[in-house]
């Protein structure tokens, strides 16, 4: 949801997309993971009531760990 507008869900990601995501996860894990948390969907990222996202990959530094809640990122 962006500015209170719900967008139609796209079809499932392609195999190429998934392979790219795995490669990105591996690289981020190797280089950044000691300094934060790496998360994958399904997991909501809530900015405010009108803006809710579900990104393909989420990296949160340790210094921002307080935004990680039980059910979502806020």
PDB file of N, CA and C in Angstrom:
ATOM      1  N   UNK A   1       0.851  -1.155   0.000  1.00  0.00           N
ATOM      2  CA  UNK A   1       0.000   0.000   0.000  1.00  0.00           C
ATOM      3  C   UNK A   1       0.908   1.232   0.000  1.00  0.00           C
ATOM      4  N   UNK A   2       0.619   2.145  -0.913  1.00  0.00           N
ATOM      5  CA  UNK A   2       1.363   3.394  -0.983  1.00  0.00           C
ATOM      6  C   UNK A   2       0.346   4.520  -0.968  1.00  0.00           C
ATOM      7  N   UNK A   3       0.483   5.424  -0.011  1.00  0.00           N
ATOM      8  CA  UNK A   3      -0.476   6.530   0.148  1.00  0.00           C
ATOM      9  C   UNK A   3      -1.916   6.025   0.159  1.00  0.00           C
ATOM     10  N   UNK A   4      -2.168   4.992   0.934  1.00  0.00           N
ATOM     11  CA  UNK A   4      -3.490   4.389   1.124  1.00  0.00           C
ATOM     12  C   UNK A   4      -4.047   3.696  -0.124  1.00  0.00           C
ATOM     13  N   UNK A   5      -3.244   3.524  -1.154  1.00  0.00           N
ATOM     14  CA  UNK A   5      -3.700   2.850  -2.369  1.00  0.00           C
ATOM     15  C   UNK A   5      -3.131   1.440  -2.397  1.00  0.00           C
ATOM     16  N   UNK A   6      -4.019   0.459  -2.454  1.00  0.00           N
ATOM     17  CA  UNK A   6      -3.579  -0.941  -2.569  1.00  0.00           C
ATOM     18  C   UNK A   6      -3.323  -1.251  -4.038  1.00  0.00           C
ATOM     19  N   UNK A   7      -2.168  -1.833  -4.283  1.00  0.00           N
ATOM     20  CA  UNK A   7      -1.815  -2.193  -5.647  1.00  0.00           C
ATOM     21  C   UNK A   7      -2.003  -3.680  -5.851  1.00  0.00           C
ATOM     22  N   UNK A   8      -2.419  -4.036  -7.053  1.00  0.00           N
ATOM     23  CA  UNK A   8      -2.634  -5.427  -7.391  1.00  0.00           C
ATOM     24  C   UNK A   8      -1.336  -6.209  -7.250  1.00  0.00           C
ATOM     25  N   UNK A   9      -1.439  -7.395  -6.719  1.00  0.00           N
ATOM     26  CA  UNK A   9      -0.259  -8.233  -6.577  1.00  0.00           C
ATOM     27  C   UNK A   9       0.212  -8.713  -7.939  1.00  0.00           C
ATOM     28  N   UNK A  10       1.491  -8.702  -8.117  1.00  0.00           N
ATOM     29  CA  UNK A  10       2.079  -9.203  -9.359  1.00  0.00           C
ATOM     30  C   UNK A  10       2.190 -10.720  -9.262  1.00  0.00           C
ATOM     31  N   UNK A  11       2.404 -11.380 -10.393  1.00  0.00           N
ATOM     32  CA  UNK A  11       2.611 -12.827 -10.343  1.00  0.00           C
ATOM     33  C   UNK A  11       3.864 -13.159  -9.527  1.00  0.00           C
ATOM     34  N   UNK A  12       4.003 -14.393  -9.163  1.00  0.00           N
ATOM     35  CA  UNK A  12       5.185 -14.822  -8.405  1.00  0.00           C
ATOM     36  C   UNK A  12       6.458 -14.436  -9.139  1.00  0.00           C
ATOM     37  N   UNK A  13       7.539 -14.186  -8.384  1.00  0.00           N
ATOM     38  CA  UNK A  13       8.810 -13.838  -9.016  1.00  0.00           C
ATOM     39  C   UNK A  13       9.299 -14.956  -9.939  1.00  0.00           C
ATOM     40  N   UNK A  14      10.059 -14.559 -10.936  1.00  0.00           N
ATOM     41  CA  UNK A  14      10.618 -15.533 -11.871  1.00  0.00           C
ATOM     42  C   UNK A  14      11.785 -16.271 -11.236  1.00  0.00           C
ATOM     43  N   UNK A  15      12.212 -17.336 -11.868  1.00  0.00           N
ATOM     44  CA  UNK A  15      13.375 -18.093 -11.393  1.00  0.00           C
ATOM     45  C   UNK A  15      14.602 -17.185 -11.399  1.00  0.00           C
ATOM     46  N   UNK A  16      14.765 -16.377 -12.444  1.00  0.00           N
ATOM     47  CA  UNK A  16      15.902 -15.458 -12.524  1.00  0.00           C
ATOM     48  C   UNK A  16      15.899 -14.492 -11.334  1.00  0.00           C
ATOM     49  N   UNK A  17      14.731 -13.968 -11.016  1.00  0.00           N
ATOM     50  CA  UNK A  17      14.591 -13.063  -9.868  1.00  0.00           C
ATOM     51  C   UNK A  17      15.020 -13.752  -8.570  1.00  0.00           C
ATOM     52  N   UNK A  18      14.545 -14.966  -8.377  1.00  0.00           N
ATOM     53  CA  UNK A  18      14.864 -15.711  -7.161  1.00  0.00           C
ATOM     54  C   UNK A  18      16.363 -16.011  -7.068  1.00  0.00           C
ATOM     55  N   UNK A  19      16.983 -16.382  -8.177  1.00  0.00           N
ATOM     56  CA  UNK A  19      18.430 -16.650  -8.181  1.00  0.00           C
ATOM     57  C   UNK A  19      19.209 -15.387  -7.824  1.00  0.00           C
ATOM     58  N   UNK A  20      18.784 -14.272  -8.369  1.00  0.00           N
ATOM     59  CA  UNK A  20      19.434 -12.995  -8.074  1.00  0.00           C
ATOM     60  C   UNK A  20      19.290 -12.641  -6.590  1.00  0.00           C
ATOM     61  N   UNK A  21      18.118 -12.881  -6.058  1.00  0.00           N
ATOM     62  CA  UNK A  21      17.868 -12.612  -4.646  1.00  0.00           C
ATOM     63  C   UNK A  21      18.763 -13.466  -3.756  1.00  0.00           C
ATOM     64  N   UNK A  22      18.917 -14.729  -4.082  1.00  0.00           N
ATOM     65  CA  UNK A  22      19.790 -15.625  -3.318  1.00  0.00           C
ATOM     66  C   UNK A  22      21.229 -15.132  -3.373  1.00  0.00           C
ATOM     67  N   UNK A  23      21.684 -14.737  -4.559  1.00  0.00           N
ATOM     68  CA  UNK A  23      23.052 -14.243  -4.697  1.00  0.00           C
ATOM     69  C   UNK A  23      23.254 -12.969  -3.872  1.00  0.00           C
ATOM     70  N   UNK A  24      22.300 -12.079  -3.915  1.00  0.00           N
ATOM     71  CA  UNK A  24      22.379 -10.854  -3.134  1.00  0.00           C
ATOM     72  C   UNK A  24      22.396 -11.160  -1.637  1.00  0.00           C
ATOM     73  N   UNK A  25      21.561 -12.089  -1.210  1.00  0.00           N
ATOM     74  CA  UNK A  25      21.551 -12.502   0.199  1.00  0.00           C
ATOM     75  C   UNK A  25      22.916 -13.038   0.624  1.00  0.00           C
ATOM     76  N   UNK A  26      23.512 -13.868  -0.209  1.00  0.00           N
ATOM     77  CA  UNK A  26      24.824 -14.432   0.120  1.00  0.00           C
ATOM     78  C   UNK A  26      25.876 -13.338   0.257  1.00  0.00           C
ATOM     79  N   UNK A  27      25.865 -12.382  -0.676  1.00  0.00           N
ATOM     80  CA  UNK A  27      26.856 -11.299  -0.626  1.00  0.00           C
ATOM     81  C   UNK A  27      26.633 -10.396   0.583  1.00  0.00           C
ATOM     82  N   UNK A  28      25.383 -10.070   0.854  1.00  0.00           N
ATOM     83  CA  UNK A  28      25.098  -9.240   2.019  1.00  0.00           C
ATOM     84  C   UNK A  28      25.444  -9.969   3.312  1.00  0.00           C
ATOM     85  N   UNK A  29      25.132 -11.236   3.359  1.00  0.00           N
ATOM     86  CA  UNK A  29      25.447 -12.015   4.552  1.00  0.00           C
ATOM     87  C   UNK A  29      26.950 -12.012   4.809  1.00  0.00           C
ATOM     88  N   UNK A  30      27.726 -12.207   3.750  1.00  0.00           N
ATOM     89  CA  UNK A  30      29.188 -12.259   3.884  1.00  0.00           C
ATOM     90  C   UNK A  30      29.782 -10.919   4.287  1.00  0.00           C
ATOM     91  N   UNK A  31      29.213  -9.828   3.801  1.00  0.00           N
ATOM     92  CA  UNK A  31      29.842  -8.533   4.040  1.00  0.00           C
ATOM     93  C   UNK A  31      29.170  -7.682   5.109  1.00  0.00           C
ATOM     94  N   UNK A  32      27.884  -7.807   5.296  1.00  0.00           N
ATOM     95  CA  UNK A  32      27.162  -6.902   6.194  1.00  0.00           C
ATOM     96  C   UNK A  32      26.557  -7.565   7.420  1.00  0.00           C
ATOM     97  N   UNK A  33      26.278  -8.832   7.334  1.00  0.00           N
ATOM     98  CA  UNK A  33      25.522  -9.503   8.401  1.00  0.00           C
ATOM     99  C   UNK A  33      26.115  -9.343   9.797  1.00  0.00           C
ATOM    100  N   UNK A  34      27.439  -9.309   9.945  1.00  0.00           N
ATOM    101  CA  UNK A  34      27.960  -9.117  11.305  1.00  0.00           C
ATOM    102  C   UNK A  34      27.531  -7.788  11.935  1.00  0.00           C
ATOM    103  N   UNK A  35      27.045  -6.863  11.129  1.00  0.00           N
ATOM    104  CA  UNK A  35      26.660  -5.539  11.626  1.00  0.00           C
ATOM    105  C   UNK A  35      25.157  -5.295  11.615  1.00  0.00           C
ATOM    106  N   UNK A  36      24.374  -6.360  11.419  1.00  0.00           N
ATOM    107  CA  UNK A  36      22.935  -6.170  11.374  1.00  0.00           C
ATOM    108  C   UNK A  36      22.177  -7.451  11.153  1.00  0.00           C
ATOM    109  N   UNK A  37      20.925  -7.292  10.727  1.00  0.00           N
ATOM    110  CA  UNK A  37      20.015  -8.419  10.526  1.00  0.00           C
ATOM    111  C   UNK A  37      19.553  -8.426   9.076  1.00  0.00           C
ATOM    112  N   UNK A  38      19.586  -9.578   8.453  1.00  0.00           N
ATOM    113  CA  UNK A  38      19.141  -9.762   7.083  1.00  0.00           C
ATOM    114  C   UNK A  38      17.847 -10.572   7.120  1.00  0.00           C
ATOM    115  N   UNK A  39      16.775 -10.031   6.527  1.00  0.00           N
ATOM    116  CA  UNK A  39      15.466 -10.673   6.564  1.00  0.00           C
ATOM    117  C   UNK A  39      14.882 -10.778   5.155  1.00  0.00           C
ATOM    118  N   UNK A  40      14.050 -11.784   4.942  1.00  0.00           N
ATOM    119  CA  UNK A  40      13.399 -11.973   3.651  1.00  0.00           C
ATOM    120  C   UNK A  40      11.886 -12.063   3.845  1.00  0.00           C
ATOM    121  N   UNK A  41      11.111 -11.861   2.777  1.00  0.00           N
ATOM    122  CA  UNK A  41       9.653 -11.909   2.896  1.00  0.00           C
ATOM    123  C   UNK A  41       9.153 -13.326   3.124  1.00  0.00           C
ATOM    124  N   UNK A  42       7.935 -13.471   3.543  1.00  0.00           N
ATOM    125  CA  UNK A  42       6.973 -12.398   3.751  1.00  0.00           C
ATOM    126  C   UNK A  42       7.183 -11.720   5.105  1.00  0.00           C
ATOM    127  N   UNK A  43       7.391 -10.426   5.055  1.00  0.00           N
ATOM    128  CA  UNK A  43       7.538  -9.601   6.259  1.00  0.00           C
ATOM    129  C   UNK A  43       7.179  -8.174   5.887  1.00  0.00           C
ATOM    130  N   UNK A  44       6.234  -7.590   6.596  1.00  0.00           N
ATOM    131  CA  UNK A  44       5.784  -6.237   6.297  1.00  0.00           C
ATOM    132  C   UNK A  44       6.743  -5.195   6.855  1.00  0.00           C
ATOM    133  N   UNK A  45       6.925  -4.135   6.084  1.00  0.00           N
ATOM    134  CA  UNK A  45       7.656  -2.950   6.530  1.00  0.00           C
ATOM    135  C   UNK A  45       6.627  -1.825   6.572  1.00  0.00           C
ATOM    136  N   UNK A  46       6.352  -1.360   7.786  1.00  0.00           N
ATOM    137  CA  UNK A  46       5.297  -0.386   8.047  1.00  0.00           C
ATOM    138  C   UNK A  46       5.927   0.980   8.283  1.00  0.00           C
ATOM    139  N   UNK A  47       5.593   1.934   7.411  1.00  0.00           N
ATOM    140  CA  UNK A  47       6.071   3.306   7.603  1.00  0.00           C
ATOM    141  C   UNK A  47       5.024   4.136   8.335  1.00  0.00           C
ATOM    142  N   UNK A  48       3.794   4.000   7.907  1.00  0.00           N
ATOM    143  CA  UNK A  48       2.649   4.622   8.572  1.00  0.00           C
ATOM    144  C   UNK A  48       1.398   3.912   8.052  1.00  0.00           C
ATOM    145  N   UNK A  49       0.235   4.329   8.530  1.00  0.00           N
ATOM    146  CA  UNK A  49      -0.989   3.608   8.181  1.00  0.00           C
ATOM    147  C   UNK A  49      -1.241   3.526   6.674  1.00  0.00           C
ATOM    148  N   UNK A  50      -0.762   4.502   5.916  1.00  0.00           N
ATOM    149  CA  UNK A  50      -1.002   4.514   4.482  1.00  0.00           C
ATOM    150  C   UNK A  50       0.131   3.966   3.648  1.00  0.00           C
ATOM    151  N   UNK A  51       1.208   3.527   4.288  1.00  0.00           N
ATOM    152  CA  UNK A  51       2.383   3.063   3.549  1.00  0.00           C
ATOM    153  C   UNK A  51       2.942   1.793   4.172  1.00  0.00           C
ATOM    154  N   UNK A  52       2.656   0.692   3.518  1.00  0.00           N
ATOM    155  CA  UNK A  52       3.053  -0.629   3.980  1.00  0.00           C
ATOM    156  C   UNK A  52       3.661  -1.380   2.800  1.00  0.00           C
ATOM    157  N   UNK A  53       4.840  -1.923   3.000  1.00  0.00           N
ATOM    158  CA  UNK A  53       5.562  -2.582   1.915  1.00  0.00           C
ATOM    159  C   UNK A  53       5.995  -3.979   2.331  1.00  0.00           C
ATOM    160  N   UNK A  54       6.329  -4.789   1.349  1.00  0.00           N
ATOM    161  CA  UNK A  54       6.891  -6.107   1.592  1.00  0.00           C
ATOM    162  C   UNK A  54       8.046  -6.300   0.601  1.00  0.00           C
ATOM    163  N   UNK A  55       9.216  -5.757   0.951  1.00  0.00           N
ATOM    164  CA  UNK A  55      10.356  -5.836   0.025  1.00  0.00           C
ATOM    165  C   UNK A  55      10.896  -7.254  -0.117  1.00  0.00           C
ATOM    166  N   UNK A  56      11.671  -7.462  -1.166  1.00  0.00           N
ATOM    167  CA  UNK A  56      12.274  -8.769  -1.414  1.00  0.00           C
ATOM    168  C   UNK A  56      13.367  -9.100  -0.413  1.00  0.00           C
ATOM    169  N   UNK A  57      14.005  -8.072   0.098  1.00  0.00           N
ATOM    170  CA  UNK A  57      15.138  -8.268   0.999  1.00  0.00           C
ATOM    171  C   UNK A  57      15.215  -7.072   1.937  1.00  0.00           C
ATOM    172  N   UNK A  58      15.480  -7.339   3.192  1.00  0.00           N
ATOM    173  CA  UNK A  58      15.549  -6.275   4.192  1.00  0.00           C
ATOM    174  C   UNK A  58      16.840  -6.443   4.978  1.00  0.00           C
ATOM    175  N   UNK A  59      17.641  -5.382   5.043  1.00  0.00           N
ATOM    176  CA  UNK A  59      18.825  -5.382   5.902  1.00  0.00           C
ATOM    177  C   UNK A  59      18.683  -4.233   6.879  1.00  0.00           C
ATOM    178  N   UNK A  60      18.813  -4.536   8.161  1.00  0.00           N
ATOM    179  CA  UNK A  60      18.695  -3.529   9.205  1.00  0.00           C
ATOM    180  C   UNK A  60      19.956  -3.574  10.050  1.00  0.00           C
ATOM    181  N   UNK A  61      20.621  -2.434  10.149  1.00  0.00           N
ATOM    182  CA  UNK A  61      21.851  -2.371  10.946  1.00  0.00           C
ATOM    183  C   UNK A  61      21.527  -2.555  12.422  1.00  0.00           C
ATOM    184  N   UNK A  62      22.516  -2.981  13.167  1.00  0.00           N
ATOM    185  CA  UNK A  62      22.340  -3.176  14.610  1.00  0.00           C
ATOM    186  C   UNK A  62      21.876  -1.893  15.293  1.00  0.00           C
ATOM    187  N   UNK A  63      22.371  -0.750  14.827  1.00  0.00           N
ATOM    188  CA  UNK A  63      21.990   0.510  15.466  1.00  0.00           C
ATOM    189  C   UNK A  63      20.519   0.859  15.232  1.00  0.00           C
ATOM    190  N   UNK A  64      19.883   0.242  14.239  1.00  0.00           N
ATOM    191  CA  UNK A  64      18.463   0.472  13.976  1.00  0.00           C
ATOM    192  C   UNK A  64      17.597  -0.715  14.381  1.00  0.00           C
ATOM    193  N   UNK A  65      18.134  -1.637  15.128  1.00  0.00           N
ATOM    194  CA  UNK A  65      17.424  -2.874  15.481  1.00  0.00           C
ATOM    195  C   UNK A  65      16.112  -2.624  16.220  1.00  0.00           C
ATOM    196  N   UNK A  66      15.967  -1.462  16.830  1.00  0.00           N
ATOM    197  CA  UNK A  66      14.736  -1.171  17.582  1.00  0.00           C
ATOM    198  C   UNK A  66      13.494  -1.110  16.691  1.00  0.00           C
ATOM    199  N   UNK A  67      13.680  -0.983  15.363  1.00  0.00           N
ATOM    200  CA  UNK A  67      12.522  -0.946  14.467  1.00  0.00           C
ATOM    201  C   UNK A  67      11.974  -2.341  14.172  1.00  0.00           C
ATOM    202  N   UNK A  68      12.691  -3.374  14.597  1.00  0.00           N
ATOM    203  CA  UNK A  68      12.241  -4.752  14.382  1.00  0.00           C
ATOM    204  C   UNK A  68      11.273  -5.131  15.511  1.00  0.00           C
ATOM    205  N   UNK A  69      10.031  -5.347  15.135  1.00  0.00           N
ATOM    206  CA  UNK A  69       8.992  -5.735  16.094  1.00  0.00           C
ATOM    207  C   UNK A  69       8.659  -7.209  15.881  1.00  0.00           C
ATOM    208  N   UNK A  70       7.803  -7.743  16.704  1.00  0.00           N
ATOM    209  CA  UNK A  70       7.434  -9.156  16.625  1.00  0.00           C
ATOM    210  C   UNK A  70       6.808  -9.533  15.274  1.00  0.00           C
ATOM    211  N   UNK A  71       5.891  -8.696  14.782  1.00  0.00           N
ATOM    212  CA  UNK A  71       5.148  -9.057  13.574  1.00  0.00           C
ATOM    213  C   UNK A  71       5.584  -8.317  12.316  1.00  0.00           C
ATOM    214  N   UNK A  72       6.386  -7.246  12.469  1.00  0.00           N
ATOM    215  CA  UNK A  72       6.770  -6.461  11.298  1.00  0.00           C
ATOM    216  C   UNK A  72       7.909  -5.503  11.641  1.00  0.00           C
ATOM    217  N   UNK A  73       8.371  -4.804  10.616  1.00  0.00           N
ATOM    218  CA  UNK A  73       9.356  -3.739  10.778  1.00  0.00           C
ATOM    219  C   UNK A  73       8.579  -2.439  10.830  1.00  0.00           C
ATOM    220  N   UNK A  74       8.895  -1.602  11.801  1.00  0.00           N
ATOM    221  CA  UNK A  74       8.181  -0.317  11.928  1.00  0.00           C
ATOM    222  C   UNK A  74       9.170   0.834  11.899  1.00  0.00           C
TER     223      UNK A  74
END
